[in-house]
Structure formats: C-alpha cells, structure tokens
Amino acid sequence: MAQNAWTIYNTSNSPLPENSVRAIAIQKNGVKWIGTDFGLASFDGSNWAVFHTSNSNIPDDNVRAIAIDTNGDKWIGTFNGGLAKYDGSTWTVYDFMNSPLPDNFIKSLAIDTNGIIWAGTIGGLAEFDGVSAWNIYNTSNSLLGSNNIASLNVDTTTNILSIGTINGGLSIKDGSNWEQYTLTNSSLPDNSQLSLARDDQNILWIATAASGISAQISGVSFLTYNTFSSGIASNSTSCIAYNGVTDLWVGTLDSGLVKKSGLNFNNYHTGNSLIPDNYIQSLATDSNGVMWVGMKTGGLARFDESLLTGIYTSYGQLNFKCFPIPAATSVTIEIPDIFEGEAVIQDLMGRIVIRKIIESSISTRIQLPDNLKNGTYIISLLNNDVRVATSMMQVLK
C-alpha cells in the first residue's frame, strides 16, 4: 500500500504522550525522539517507547529540547527539571541544586564537534563537557543581550556557536571572542530569534518571533524575508530546518508549514492540506528528506512532499493554475476544461477578499482590489458551494 504524504500521530491513534510536541531529534539509526508537554517518546517507525517521571528517572515530564551526541546519548532539556542524559538505560540529571546550571528551565540544546554540550536556559548559557567542567555565560560576563536563550546552532566546520535570545539579539561565540547583533547595530530584523539553522552554503538562517526569517550574509548584513518582501505566509515564525538538499522549511505560529525553494514559498496549512494544526512548534528532517513536524495541539506529523500528486490539490477534483505570481493588479485563473462555479480568494485568516462567478469558462481574469495588501492568499474553486480545488497566490504591488 502506498504511503500518504501526511501521516498524523496523536494521543488518539498512537502512544504519543501529549499532542503538544515541543522538540524533535532524529538519531543516525532513524529513531525519532519526541519531546512533549507530558513526556518523552521514541519512535522507530513501528514501535514506541514513552518515558514519564512515573516510569523512568526523567526529572520532568515537560520536555523542551533534545540533542543527541555521537555516542547516541540523548540530552534532554526540561521545563523545570534541568538537564538529563539518557544512555539507553541510565538517567543522569543535572540541575541548579547539584551543578552550576543557571536555571532548571532549558529552552535549547546543541552539541559541538568536541562533544561539548551547550544548554540555553532562561538564566543564561551553560557550557558542559559532559563530565564535570562547566562554564556559565550571562549578560554580566559576556556579550549576551539577554539571559533568556531561545535557540542555539553550532557551525560543525568551525565550532562557532550562534546564540538566539529573547529580546536580546543574536550573539556569536568564536572561542573566547564574542559578537552581538541587534536592531540598533545591524540589519537584524528582530531581537528575538526562536530557531537557528544552517544550509549547505553554511549560511545561518534565523526564525524570528515577529519579523519573518532572516539570513546572516556577512557580519552585520542580514537578508530578511517577510510578508512584505516575499511570499512567506507569516512573519510569526517559530522553528526552522534545512532538508540537506535545497529547501528551507519554516514553522509558523499561525499559518502552518512553509517551504522556501530559492525565492519561491509554498505554504501547507489546515485549509489546503492534511496538517491538523497551523501552530508549529518543532521541525526535524530525516535522512530521506521527510519532514517531521511538531504542533501545539495537533500532535506529530510525518510529511513526505514527494508523495503529493500536486502541491495544492488537497481536494483533488480539479487542477488549475493562476498567474502571474506574484500578482499586482489582477490574476488569471486557467482551467483545463470548461468550469462553472465560483472563484473565492481568502486571506490566511480565512476572510473572503473576492468572490467571482465563473460561467462556462476555461480562463477567467479577476481584478484585485486597489487596497489589497501584499502577502499570500488562498484561491479556491467552488461548485455548488463545494470546494473542488485550491491553490495559493502571492500579491506584490
């Protein structure tokens, strides 16, 4: 039996312990480790294992970050239980009572090529050699603009550490040297960086809380894609991942999943795909390029875009195209066969912008309102109030 492009795992159809998925990490052997608001799970594609405080020595059921080292040991960052190491049989816990860890709330984790564990907490950044040596960095002893560390990324070529904060800008640590980028001293678009990733050109990509995504080109220069400058579906981005081939994937807080291919953006959301939730909290890519998506209330999604018969034909009854993309003053709908019905254009909140009757036509031109804002819109064809096809369009005036 052919596998669907979308496979959803939730508390109703699987042992997933909670539908709020905060973190995903994938081992080299393909096992997925999934952190939720109520437990940690592992999944090998067939079998599940679930870890709670009631059946293991994990210090907290609320898991916020996961990293896996070269030995296969899992490092788990929790909401209130500190940092835990799980080697497959034994749990070792580090918290602010038995270690220099600055806070028990760990929001981000990264491991460099020397095996150093970097833990971002709400009280600063911790450097741990995994045995006994710790260094703690905060706004008092480093160029961190905030002690609330939201995201971490290690350049595996140079071991340079990039540190995303909440309201404190982006900090770069290169050995003992520090640099800091903020709204005031660079073109960084947002002082809060919720997620960091590197592409095959070693460019650092940043998911910001309110300003879309941005790439650090060189030093103080950042190239930003937002709803005003591109076809990205939302400025509220939560997580970012590179698929190891060509594409950048972005999770949003309100508009689902976005794929960036060059200058083109595709958007998968509850209105045009089988994804059950538009609030994305975590992303990971497996060795086959399949995306694993953690949602706020929708559980875990496995998405293999290569299995789609058409990107935006979730209703599958009719194919059509619209052009030009992006559109400025008008858009033309072209249908292979004569169609009678209605074309409806909606914004990403579902609000109807335009309705136009189509009578026995294979090509229909729709004039766009003068006050229509730049951005991404949903265009659908309805027959007797039944949606038979849907696609996306961008407006850029």
Protein backbone atom coordinates (compact mmCIF):
# COMPACT_ATOMS: atom_id res chain seq x y z
CA MET A 1 0.00 0.00 0.00
CA ALA A 2 1.35 3.42 -0.95
CA GLN A 3 2.07 5.72 1.96
CA ASN A 4 0.23 9.00 2.27
CA ALA A 5 2.17 12.24 2.08
CA TRP A 6 0.79 13.16 5.50
CA THR A 7 0.75 10.80 8.47
CA ILE A 8 -0.52 12.20 11.76
CA TYR A 9 0.31 10.74 15.16
CA ASN A 10 -1.64 11.94 18.18
CA THR A 11 -2.88 10.69 21.53
CA SER A 12 -5.94 9.15 19.90
CA ASN A 13 -4.17 6.95 17.36
CA SER A 14 -0.73 6.33 18.88
CA PRO A 15 1.16 6.15 22.19
CA LEU A 16 2.30 9.77 21.76
CA PRO A 17 2.00 11.04 25.34
CA GLU A 18 0.70 14.55 24.56
CA ASN A 19 -0.42 16.48 21.48
CA SER A 20 1.81 19.47 22.20
CA VAL A 21 5.15 18.50 20.60
CA ARG A 22 7.94 20.86 21.64
CA ALA A 23 11.08 19.13 20.36
CA ILE A 24 12.14 16.51 17.79
CA ALA A 25 15.57 14.94 17.32
CA ILE A 26 16.47 12.07 15.00
CA GLN A 27 19.20 9.52 15.66
CA LYS A 28 21.51 8.24 12.93
CA ASN A 29 19.61 4.95 13.02
CA GLY A 30 16.39 6.81 12.20
CA VAL A 31 14.75 6.66 15.63
CA LYS A 32 12.79 9.79 16.38
CA TRP A 33 12.88 11.31 19.86
CA ILE A 34 9.88 13.47 20.59
CA GLY A 35 9.53 15.87 23.49
CA THR A 36 6.02 16.81 24.57
CA ASP A 37 4.34 18.73 27.36
CA PHE A 38 3.69 15.43 29.12
CA GLY A 39 6.52 13.05 28.45
CA LEU A 40 9.31 11.93 26.13
CA ALA A 41 8.71 9.38 23.37
CA SER A 42 10.86 7.42 20.95
CA PHE A 43 9.53 6.04 17.66
CA ASP A 44 11.35 3.82 15.17
CA GLY A 45 8.57 3.83 12.58
CA SER A 46 6.77 0.88 14.16
CA ASN A 47 7.46 0.77 17.88
CA TRP A 48 7.00 3.42 20.55
CA ALA A 49 8.56 3.89 23.97
CA VAL A 50 7.28 6.55 26.37
CA PHE A 51 9.18 7.99 29.32
CA HIS A 52 7.42 9.72 32.22
CA THR A 53 8.52 10.64 35.70
CA SER A 54 6.28 7.75 36.79
CA ASN A 55 8.12 5.05 34.80
CA SER A 56 11.66 6.43 34.48
CA ASN A 57 14.12 8.81 36.09
CA ILE A 58 13.46 11.64 33.68
CA PRO A 59 13.27 14.68 36.01
CA ASP A 60 10.29 16.41 34.39
CA ASP A 61 7.51 15.37 32.02
CA ASN A 62 7.63 18.70 30.20
CA VAL A 63 10.39 18.35 27.57
CA ARG A 64 11.55 21.47 25.70
CA ALA A 65 14.80 20.49 23.92
CA ILE A 66 16.59 17.34 22.73
CA ALA A 67 20.11 16.78 21.38
CA ILE A 68 21.87 13.51 20.56
CA ASP A 69 25.64 13.13 20.83
CA THR A 70 27.98 10.96 18.75
CA ASN A 71 27.67 8.13 21.28
CA GLY A 72 23.92 8.08 20.81
CA ASP A 73 23.28 9.50 24.25
CA LYS A 74 20.19 11.65 24.48
CA TRP A 75 20.41 15.03 26.22
CA ILE A 76 17.02 16.24 27.36
CA GLY A 77 16.20 19.81 28.36
CA THR A 78 13.13 20.19 30.54
CA PHE A 79 10.82 22.95 31.71
CA ASN A 80 11.51 22.60 35.42
CA GLY A 81 13.79 19.60 35.90
CA GLY A 82 17.06 20.79 34.40
CA LEU A 83 19.21 18.75 32.02
CA ALA A 84 19.07 14.96 31.76
CA LYS A 85 21.32 12.49 29.95
CA TYR A 86 19.86 9.14 28.88
CA ASP A 87 22.26 6.50 27.57
CA GLY A 88 19.60 3.90 26.86
CA SER A 89 19.46 2.50 30.37
CA THR A 90 20.60 5.12 32.88
CA TRP A 91 19.42 8.65 33.54
CA THR A 92 21.82 11.28 34.86
CA VAL A 93 20.29 14.57 35.95
CA TYR A 94 21.92 17.98 36.25
CA ASP A 95 20.02 20.84 37.87
CA PHE A 96 20.84 24.04 39.72
CA MET A 97 20.95 22.13 43.02
CA ASN A 98 23.71 19.66 42.01
CA SER A 99 25.53 21.60 39.28
CA PRO A 100 26.35 25.16 38.14
CA LEU A 101 23.40 25.07 35.72
CA PRO A 102 21.96 28.61 35.99
CA ASP A 103 18.31 27.58 35.75
CA ASN A 104 16.23 24.42 35.51
CA PHE A 105 14.24 25.72 32.53
CA ILE A 106 16.21 24.68 29.45
CA LYS A 107 14.87 26.02 26.16
CA SER A 108 17.62 24.97 23.72
CA LEU A 109 20.46 22.49 23.32
CA ALA A 110 23.37 22.00 20.93
CA ILE A 111 26.43 19.74 20.88
CA ASP A 112 29.65 20.77 19.14
CA THR A 113 32.20 18.58 17.39
CA ASN A 114 34.28 18.35 20.57
CA GLY A 115 31.34 16.84 22.42
CA ILE A 116 30.66 19.99 24.43
CA ILE A 117 27.02 20.32 25.46
CA TRP A 118 25.59 23.82 25.19
CA ALA A 119 22.40 24.45 27.15
CA GLY A 120 20.34 27.59 26.76
CA THR A 121 18.32 28.39 29.86
CA ILE A 122 16.20 31.33 30.95
CA GLY A 123 19.07 32.26 33.27
CA GLY A 124 21.97 32.18 30.82
CA LEU A 125 24.08 29.84 28.71
CA ALA A 126 25.80 26.74 30.11
CA GLU A 127 28.86 25.02 28.62
CA PHE A 128 29.38 21.45 29.88
CA ASP A 129 31.99 18.89 28.88
CA GLY A 130 29.65 16.06 29.85
CA VAL A 131 31.74 15.02 32.82
CA SER A 132 32.49 17.74 35.38
CA ALA A 133 33.63 21.01 33.80
CA TRP A 134 31.15 23.85 33.46
CA ASN A 135 31.28 27.44 32.22
CA ILE A 136 28.34 29.79 32.60
CA TYR A 137 27.75 32.87 30.43
CA ASN A 138 25.28 35.65 31.08
CA THR A 139 24.76 39.34 30.46
CA SER A 140 27.29 40.16 33.20
CA ASN A 141 30.29 38.26 31.82
CA SER A 142 29.69 38.06 28.06
CA LEU A 143 28.11 39.78 25.07
CA LEU A 144 24.76 38.15 25.63
CA GLY A 145 21.99 40.71 25.30
CA SER A 146 19.59 38.57 27.33
CA ASN A 147 19.85 35.60 29.68
CA ASN A 148 16.79 34.04 28.05
CA ILE A 149 18.40 31.74 25.47
CA ALA A 150 15.83 30.57 22.92
CA SER A 151 17.98 28.91 20.25
CA LEU A 152 21.46 27.54 19.60
CA ASN A 153 23.39 26.48 16.49
CA VAL A 154 26.91 25.08 16.11
CA ASP A 155 28.88 25.52 12.90
CA THR A 156 30.24 21.99 12.51
CA THR A 157 33.17 23.26 10.44
CA THR A 158 34.46 25.89 12.86
CA ASN A 159 32.56 25.16 16.12
CA ILE A 160 31.37 28.76 16.13
CA LEU A 161 28.29 28.97 18.36
CA SER A 162 25.31 31.14 17.39
CA ILE A 163 23.00 32.10 20.24
CA GLY A 164 19.47 33.38 19.75
CA THR A 165 17.87 35.18 22.65
CA ILE A 166 14.53 36.63 23.63
CA ASN A 167 14.68 40.42 23.29
CA GLY A 168 18.49 40.49 23.41
CA GLY A 169 19.56 39.99 19.82
CA LEU A 170 21.87 37.40 18.28
CA SER A 171 25.25 36.60 19.83
CA ILE A 172 28.12 34.75 18.17
CA LYS A 173 30.79 32.98 20.24
CA ASP A 174 34.00 32.01 18.46
CA GLY A 175 36.27 30.59 21.11
CA SER A 176 36.86 33.46 23.51
CA ASN A 177 35.66 36.09 21.02
CA TRP A 178 32.12 37.40 21.08
CA GLU A 179 29.99 39.44 18.70
CA GLN A 180 26.49 40.73 19.23
CA TYR A 181 23.90 41.81 16.64
CA THR A 182 20.77 43.75 17.49
CA LEU A 183 18.25 46.02 15.84
CA THR A 184 20.42 49.01 16.68
CA ASN A 185 23.83 47.89 15.37
CA SER A 186 22.90 45.70 12.37
CA SER A 187 20.16 44.86 9.88
CA LEU A 188 18.91 42.03 12.11
CA PRO A 189 15.11 42.39 11.84
CA ASP A 190 14.10 41.16 15.31
CA ASN A 191 15.77 40.95 18.71
CA SER A 192 14.11 37.57 19.39
CA GLN A 193 15.38 34.51 17.50
CA LEU A 194 13.29 31.41 18.19
CA SER A 195 15.23 28.98 15.99
CA LEU A 196 18.53 28.76 14.06
CA ALA A 197 19.67 26.50 11.19
CA ARG A 198 22.47 26.35 8.61
CA ASP A 199 22.13 25.45 4.94
CA ASP A 200 24.65 23.72 2.65
CA GLN A 201 26.31 27.08 1.97
CA ASN A 202 26.88 27.44 5.72
CA ILE A 203 24.54 30.41 5.85
CA LEU A 204 22.88 30.92 9.22
CA TRP A 205 19.09 31.14 8.96
CA ILE A 206 17.02 32.69 11.71
CA ALA A 207 13.35 32.24 12.59
CA THR A 208 12.15 35.39 14.32
CA ALA A 209 9.15 35.94 16.54
CA ALA A 210 7.57 38.76 14.54
CA SER A 211 9.72 39.60 11.51
CA GLY A 212 9.80 36.52 9.27
CA ILE A 213 13.05 34.70 8.54
CA SER A 214 16.49 36.18 8.03
CA ALA A 215 19.86 35.00 6.74
CA GLN A 216 23.16 36.28 8.06
CA ILE A 217 25.08 37.04 4.88
CA SER A 218 28.18 38.57 6.42
CA GLY A 219 28.74 40.34 9.70
CA VAL A 220 26.07 42.96 10.28
CA SER A 221 24.32 42.20 7.00
CA PHE A 222 21.08 40.21 7.23
CA LEU A 223 18.74 39.37 4.34
CA THR A 224 15.15 39.18 5.55
CA TYR A 225 12.08 37.55 4.04
CA ASN A 226 8.78 38.75 5.45
CA THR A 227 5.22 39.11 4.19
CA PHE A 228 6.06 42.49 2.66
CA SER A 229 9.17 41.40 0.77
CA SER A 230 8.32 37.82 -0.19
CA GLY A 231 5.67 35.13 -0.43
CA ILE A 232 6.24 33.79 3.07
CA ALA A 233 2.89 33.14 4.72
CA SER A 234 3.59 34.72 8.12
CA ASN A 235 6.01 36.95 9.99
CA SER A 236 5.50 34.90 13.18
CA THR A 237 7.98 32.08 12.68
CA SER A 238 8.79 29.55 15.38
CA CYS A 239 11.23 26.97 14.02
CA ILE A 240 13.44 26.43 11.01
CA ALA A 241 15.17 23.42 9.43
CA TYR A 242 17.22 22.66 6.33
CA ASN A 243 16.44 19.44 4.49
CA GLY A 244 20.04 18.85 3.45
CA VAL A 245 19.30 19.22 -0.26
CA THR A 246 17.92 22.55 -1.44
CA ASP A 247 14.99 23.60 0.68
CA LEU A 248 14.47 25.50 3.89
CA TRP A 249 11.44 24.61 5.99
CA VAL A 250 9.83 27.06 8.38
CA GLY A 251 7.21 26.56 11.05
CA THR A 252 4.90 29.45 11.85
CA LEU A 253 2.78 30.31 14.84
CA ASP A 254 -0.37 30.91 12.82
CA SER A 255 -0.04 29.77 9.20
CA GLY A 256 1.27 26.22 9.25
CA LEU A 257 4.35 24.99 7.43
CA VAL A 258 6.32 26.91 4.81
CA LYS A 259 8.88 25.62 2.32
CA LYS A 260 11.38 28.06 0.82
CA SER A 261 12.89 26.97 -2.50
CA GLY A 262 15.02 29.77 -3.85
CA LEU A 263 12.71 32.75 -4.00
CA ASN A 264 9.56 30.62 -4.05
CA PHE A 265 7.47 29.87 -0.98
CA ASN A 266 4.94 27.05 -0.62
CA ASN A 267 2.56 27.02 2.33
CA TYR A 268 0.86 23.98 3.86
CA HIS A 269 -1.89 24.75 6.34
CA THR A 270 -5.21 23.40 7.57
CA GLY A 271 -7.06 24.98 4.62
CA ASN A 272 -5.09 23.31 1.84
CA SER A 273 -3.50 20.18 3.31
CA LEU A 274 -3.99 17.43 5.87
CA ILE A 275 -1.90 19.13 8.53
CA PRO A 276 -4.23 19.41 11.57
CA ASP A 277 -2.77 22.49 13.25
CA ASN A 278 -1.37 25.80 11.99
CA TYR A 279 0.69 26.37 15.16
CA ILE A 280 4.07 24.70 14.55
CA GLN A 281 6.49 24.25 17.48
CA SER A 282 9.28 22.00 16.18
CA LEU A 283 10.78 20.61 12.97
CA ALA A 284 13.28 17.92 12.03
CA THR A 285 14.34 16.32 8.74
CA ASP A 286 15.23 12.65 8.46
CA SER A 287 17.86 11.13 6.15
CA ASN A 288 15.24 10.66 3.41
CA GLY A 289 14.27 14.32 3.39
CA VAL A 290 10.97 13.61 5.14
CA MET A 291 9.81 16.38 7.44
CA TRP A 292 8.70 15.67 10.99
CA VAL A 293 6.51 18.42 12.35
CA GLY A 294 5.56 19.06 15.98
CA MET A 295 2.41 21.07 16.60
CA LYS A 296 0.80 22.82 19.55
CA THR A 297 -2.41 20.79 19.62
CA GLY A 298 -2.18 18.56 16.53
CA GLY A 299 0.49 16.12 17.68
CA LEU A 300 3.25 14.91 15.36
CA ALA A 301 3.10 14.93 11.56
CA ARG A 302 5.24 12.98 9.11
CA PHE A 303 5.26 14.83 5.78
CA ASP A 304 6.80 13.41 2.61
CA GLU A 305 6.21 16.07 -0.01
CA SER A 306 7.45 13.78 -2.79
CA LEU A 307 4.29 11.69 -2.39
CA LEU A 308 1.98 14.58 -3.23
CA THR A 309 0.34 14.34 -6.63
CA GLY A 310 0.04 18.12 -6.64
CA ILE A 311 1.22 20.66 -4.13
CA TYR A 312 -2.02 22.47 -3.54
CA THR A 313 -4.64 19.99 -4.74
CA SER A 314 -5.79 18.65 -1.40
CA TYR A 315 -9.32 18.37 -2.75
CA GLY A 316 -8.04 16.61 -5.86
CA GLN A 317 -11.08 17.00 -8.12
CA LEU A 318 -9.83 19.73 -10.43
CA ASN A 319 -6.47 21.13 -11.45
CA PHE A 320 -5.97 24.75 -12.33
CA LYS A 321 -3.29 27.39 -12.38
CA CYS A 322 -3.29 31.08 -11.66
CA PHE A 323 -0.90 33.71 -12.97
CA PRO A 324 1.02 35.94 -12.75
CA ILE A 325 2.69 35.03 -9.47
CA PRO A 326 3.19 37.33 -7.76
CA ALA A 327 0.15 39.29 -8.89
CA ALA A 328 -0.13 43.07 -8.73
CA THR A 329 -3.44 44.30 -10.16
CA SER A 330 -5.16 41.13 -11.41
CA VAL A 331 -4.88 37.36 -11.53
CA THR A 332 -6.00 34.97 -14.25
CA ILE A 333 -7.36 31.50 -13.49
CA GLU A 334 -6.82 28.92 -16.22
CA ILE A 335 -8.70 25.60 -16.07
CA PRO A 336 -8.11 22.68 -18.49
CA ASP A 337 -11.86 22.15 -19.06
CA ILE A 338 -14.88 24.39 -19.05
CA PHE A 339 -15.89 25.13 -15.48
CA GLU A 340 -18.97 26.70 -13.97
CA GLY A 341 -18.96 27.78 -10.38
CA GLU A 342 -17.28 30.37 -8.22
CA ALA A 343 -13.75 31.55 -7.52
CA VAL A 344 -13.06 32.68 -3.96
CA ILE A 345 -9.91 34.44 -2.73
CA GLN A 346 -9.28 34.45 1.02
CA ASP A 347 -6.52 35.76 3.23
CA LEU A 348 -4.63 33.40 5.55
CA MET A 349 -7.11 34.08 8.34
CA GLY A 350 -9.89 32.72 6.14
CA ARG A 351 -11.50 36.09 5.45
CA ILE A 352 -13.00 36.37 1.97
CA VAL A 353 -11.41 39.07 -0.15
CA ILE A 354 -13.11 38.42 -3.51
CA ARG A 355 -15.89 36.20 -4.84
CA LYS A 356 -16.37 35.87 -8.60
CA ILE A 357 -18.88 33.80 -10.55
CA ILE A 358 -17.40 31.70 -13.38
CA GLU A 359 -19.79 30.79 -16.17
CA SER A 360 -18.72 28.22 -18.81
CA SER A 361 -15.14 29.44 -18.91
CA ILE A 362 -11.65 27.96 -19.04
CA SER A 363 -9.95 31.29 -18.42
CA THR A 364 -11.13 33.97 -16.02
CA ARG A 365 -9.44 37.23 -15.10
CA ILE A 366 -10.05 38.63 -11.62
CA GLN A 367 -9.32 42.25 -10.85
CA LEU A 368 -7.73 42.69 -7.44
CA PRO A 369 -8.87 45.47 -5.09
CA ASP A 370 -6.60 48.51 -5.04
CA ASN A 371 -6.25 48.28 -1.25
CA LEU A 372 -5.30 44.58 -1.21
CA LYS A 373 -2.15 44.19 0.89
CA ASN A 374 0.97 42.35 -0.20
CA GLY A 375 1.07 38.78 1.03
CA THR A 376 -0.10 35.22 0.48
CA TYR A 377 -3.71 34.34 -0.29
CA ILE A 378 -5.76 31.19 -0.80
CA ILE A 379 -7.63 30.90 -4.10
CA SER A 380 -10.34 28.23 -4.35
CA LEU A 381 -12.82 26.99 -6.93
CA LEU A 382 -16.30 26.09 -5.66
CA ASN A 383 -19.02 24.15 -7.40
CA ASN A 384 -22.42 24.26 -5.67
CA ASP A 385 -20.60 25.54 -2.56
CA VAL A 386 -18.28 22.51 -2.58
CA ARG A 387 -14.58 23.31 -2.83
CA VAL A 388 -13.16 21.30 -5.73
CA ALA A 389 -9.67 22.82 -5.96
CA THR A 390 -7.45 25.16 -4.05
CA SER A 391 -4.10 26.85 -4.59
CA MET A 392 -2.01 29.72 -3.30
CA MET A 393 -1.23 33.09 -4.77
CA GLN A 394 1.04 35.94 -3.80
CA VAL A 395 0.30 39.62 -4.16
CA LEU A 396 3.22 42.01 -4.54
CA LYS A 397 2.50 45.54 -5.73
